[in-house]
Amino acid sequence: MKPDGSVIEFQVRLCGLEVTTRWVLSWGRKAQVLGPRALEKRVRDELRAMASAADKV
């Protein structure tokens, strides 16, 4: 963590990734997923789907 508190590393053990995916996405561009790879993929896939939906509006 930086002295001003601007960096937070969050680790948790969960049975599923759905809630974690939504939580990460709630932080928008301020979030960076460091792992696990399954969470990285879910967040990336959701962002792509959101971008595709936005292009259709």
N, C-alpha and C. Protein backbone atom coordinates (compact mmCIF):
# COMPACT_ATOMS: atom_id res chain seq x y z
N MET A 1 0.84 -1.18 0.00
CA MET A 1 0.00 0.00 0.00
C MET A 1 0.89 1.24 0.00
N LYS A 2 0.48 2.20 -0.80
CA LYS A 2 1.19 3.47 -0.81
C LYS A 2 0.87 4.24 0.47
N PRO A 3 1.75 5.14 0.88
CA PRO A 3 1.51 5.91 2.11
C PRO A 3 0.16 6.65 2.13
N ASP A 4 -0.33 7.05 0.94
CA ASP A 4 -1.61 7.77 0.90
C ASP A 4 -2.81 6.82 0.86
N GLY A 5 -2.55 5.50 0.91
CA GLY A 5 -3.62 4.53 0.91
C GLY A 5 -4.23 4.26 -0.45
N SER A 6 -3.58 4.67 -1.53
CA SER A 6 -4.16 4.57 -2.86
C SER A 6 -4.06 3.19 -3.49
N VAL A 7 -3.33 2.28 -2.91
CA VAL A 7 -3.23 0.93 -3.46
C VAL A 7 -3.68 -0.07 -2.41
N ILE A 8 -4.60 -0.93 -2.80
CA ILE A 8 -5.09 -1.96 -1.89
C ILE A 8 -4.97 -3.30 -2.59
N GLU A 9 -4.37 -4.26 -1.94
CA GLU A 9 -4.35 -5.63 -2.45
C GLU A 9 -5.36 -6.41 -1.63
N PHE A 10 -6.29 -7.03 -2.33
CA PHE A 10 -7.39 -7.74 -1.68
C PHE A 10 -7.29 -9.21 -2.01
N GLN A 11 -7.27 -10.05 -1.01
CA GLN A 11 -7.25 -11.49 -1.20
C GLN A 11 -8.39 -12.11 -0.42
N VAL A 12 -9.06 -13.08 -1.06
CA VAL A 12 -10.18 -13.75 -0.42
C VAL A 12 -10.33 -15.15 -1.01
N ARG A 13 -10.86 -16.06 -0.23
CA ARG A 13 -11.17 -17.41 -0.72
C ARG A 13 -12.69 -17.53 -0.78
N LEU A 14 -13.18 -17.87 -1.95
CA LEU A 14 -14.62 -18.00 -2.15
C LEU A 14 -14.93 -19.30 -2.89
N CYS A 15 -16.17 -19.73 -2.79
CA CYS A 15 -16.61 -20.93 -3.51
C CYS A 15 -16.81 -20.65 -5.00
N GLY A 16 -17.15 -19.42 -5.34
CA GLY A 16 -17.43 -19.05 -6.72
C GLY A 16 -16.88 -17.67 -7.03
N LEU A 17 -16.87 -17.36 -8.30
CA LEU A 17 -16.27 -16.09 -8.73
C LEU A 17 -17.29 -15.03 -9.11
N GLU A 18 -18.58 -15.38 -9.16
CA GLU A 18 -19.59 -14.42 -9.61
C GLU A 18 -19.61 -13.15 -8.75
N VAL A 19 -19.68 -13.30 -7.46
CA VAL A 19 -19.73 -12.14 -6.56
C VAL A 19 -18.44 -11.33 -6.65
N THR A 20 -17.33 -12.01 -6.71
CA THR A 20 -16.03 -11.32 -6.81
C THR A 20 -15.93 -10.56 -8.12
N THR A 21 -16.40 -11.17 -9.20
CA THR A 21 -16.38 -10.50 -10.52
C THR A 21 -17.17 -9.20 -10.45
N ARG A 22 -18.36 -9.26 -9.89
CA ARG A 22 -19.21 -8.06 -9.80
C ARG A 22 -18.55 -7.00 -8.92
N TRP A 23 -17.92 -7.44 -7.84
CA TRP A 23 -17.26 -6.50 -6.94
C TRP A 23 -16.11 -5.80 -7.65
N VAL A 24 -15.30 -6.57 -8.37
CA VAL A 24 -14.18 -5.99 -9.11
C VAL A 24 -14.70 -4.98 -10.13
N LEU A 25 -15.73 -5.36 -10.88
CA LEU A 25 -16.28 -4.46 -11.90
C LEU A 25 -16.85 -3.19 -11.29
N SER A 26 -17.31 -3.27 -10.05
CA SER A 26 -17.87 -2.07 -9.41
C SER A 26 -16.81 -0.98 -9.21
N TRP A 27 -15.54 -1.35 -9.22
CA TRP A 27 -14.46 -0.39 -9.05
C TRP A 27 -14.04 0.24 -10.38
N GLY A 28 -14.60 -0.25 -11.49
CA GLY A 28 -14.30 0.31 -12.80
C GLY A 28 -12.82 0.24 -13.12
N ARG A 29 -12.33 1.28 -13.77
CA ARG A 29 -10.93 1.28 -14.21
C ARG A 29 -9.93 1.38 -13.06
N LYS A 30 -10.40 1.60 -11.87
CA LYS A 30 -9.51 1.68 -10.71
C LYS A 30 -9.06 0.31 -10.23
N ALA A 31 -9.72 -0.75 -10.73
CA ALA A 31 -9.39 -2.11 -10.29
C ALA A 31 -8.41 -2.77 -11.24
N GLN A 32 -7.57 -3.61 -10.69
CA GLN A 32 -6.68 -4.45 -11.49
C GLN A 32 -6.68 -5.84 -10.85
N VAL A 33 -7.05 -6.84 -11.63
CA VAL A 33 -7.08 -8.21 -11.13
C VAL A 33 -5.69 -8.81 -11.29
N LEU A 34 -5.14 -9.28 -10.19
CA LEU A 34 -3.81 -9.90 -10.21
C LEU A 34 -3.91 -11.42 -10.28
N GLY A 35 -5.06 -11.96 -9.99
CA GLY A 35 -5.27 -13.41 -10.04
C GLY A 35 -6.49 -13.75 -9.23
N PRO A 36 -6.94 -14.94 -9.29
CA PRO A 36 -6.46 -16.02 -10.14
C PRO A 36 -6.85 -15.81 -11.60
N ARG A 37 -6.28 -16.63 -12.46
CA ARG A 37 -6.53 -16.48 -13.90
C ARG A 37 -8.01 -16.59 -14.24
N ALA A 38 -8.73 -17.44 -13.53
CA ALA A 38 -10.16 -17.60 -13.79
C ALA A 38 -10.90 -16.28 -13.55
N LEU A 39 -10.52 -15.54 -12.52
CA LEU A 39 -11.15 -14.25 -12.26
C LEU A 39 -10.74 -13.23 -13.32
N GLU A 40 -9.49 -13.23 -13.70
CA GLU A 40 -9.03 -12.34 -14.77
C GLU A 40 -9.86 -12.57 -16.03
N LYS A 41 -10.06 -13.84 -16.40
CA LYS A 41 -10.82 -14.18 -17.59
C LYS A 41 -12.27 -13.73 -17.48
N ARG A 42 -12.90 -13.98 -16.34
CA ARG A 42 -14.30 -13.57 -16.16
C ARG A 42 -14.46 -12.06 -16.28
N VAL A 43 -13.57 -11.31 -15.66
CA VAL A 43 -13.64 -9.85 -15.73
C VAL A 43 -13.40 -9.39 -17.17
N ARG A 44 -12.40 -9.94 -17.82
CA ARG A 44 -12.11 -9.57 -19.22
C ARG A 44 -13.30 -9.89 -20.12
N ASP A 45 -13.88 -11.09 -19.97
CA ASP A 45 -15.04 -11.47 -20.80
C ASP A 45 -16.22 -10.55 -20.56
N GLU A 46 -16.45 -10.18 -19.31
CA GLU A 46 -17.57 -9.29 -19.00
C GLU A 46 -17.34 -7.90 -19.59
N LEU A 47 -16.12 -7.41 -19.50
CA LEU A 47 -15.80 -6.09 -20.07
C LEU A 47 -15.99 -6.09 -21.59
N ARG A 48 -15.58 -7.17 -22.23
CA ARG A 48 -15.77 -7.28 -23.69
C ARG A 48 -17.26 -7.29 -24.03
N ALA A 49 -18.05 -8.05 -23.26
CA ALA A 49 -19.49 -8.11 -23.51
C ALA A 49 -20.14 -6.74 -23.30
N MET A 50 -19.68 -6.03 -22.27
CA MET A 50 -20.22 -4.69 -22.00
C MET A 50 -19.87 -3.74 -23.15
N ALA A 51 -18.64 -3.81 -23.64
CA ALA A 51 -18.21 -2.94 -24.74
C ALA A 51 -19.00 -3.26 -26.00
N SER A 52 -19.24 -4.52 -26.24
CA SER A 52 -20.02 -4.93 -27.42
C SER A 52 -21.45 -4.41 -27.32
N ALA A 53 -22.04 -4.51 -26.15
CA ALA A 53 -23.41 -4.02 -25.95
C ALA A 53 -23.46 -2.50 -26.12
N ALA A 54 -22.43 -1.81 -25.65
CA ALA A 54 -22.39 -0.34 -25.77
C ALA A 54 -22.28 0.07 -27.23
N ASP A 55 -21.56 -0.70 -28.04
CA ASP A 55 -21.40 -0.40 -29.46
C ASP A 55 -22.73 -0.51 -30.21
N LYS A 56 -23.66 -1.30 -29.67
CA LYS A 56 -24.95 -1.52 -30.33
C LYS A 56 -25.98 -0.46 -29.98
N VAL A 57 -25.65 0.42 -29.01
CA VAL A 57 -26.61 1.44 -28.57
C VAL A 57 -26.58 2.61 -29.51
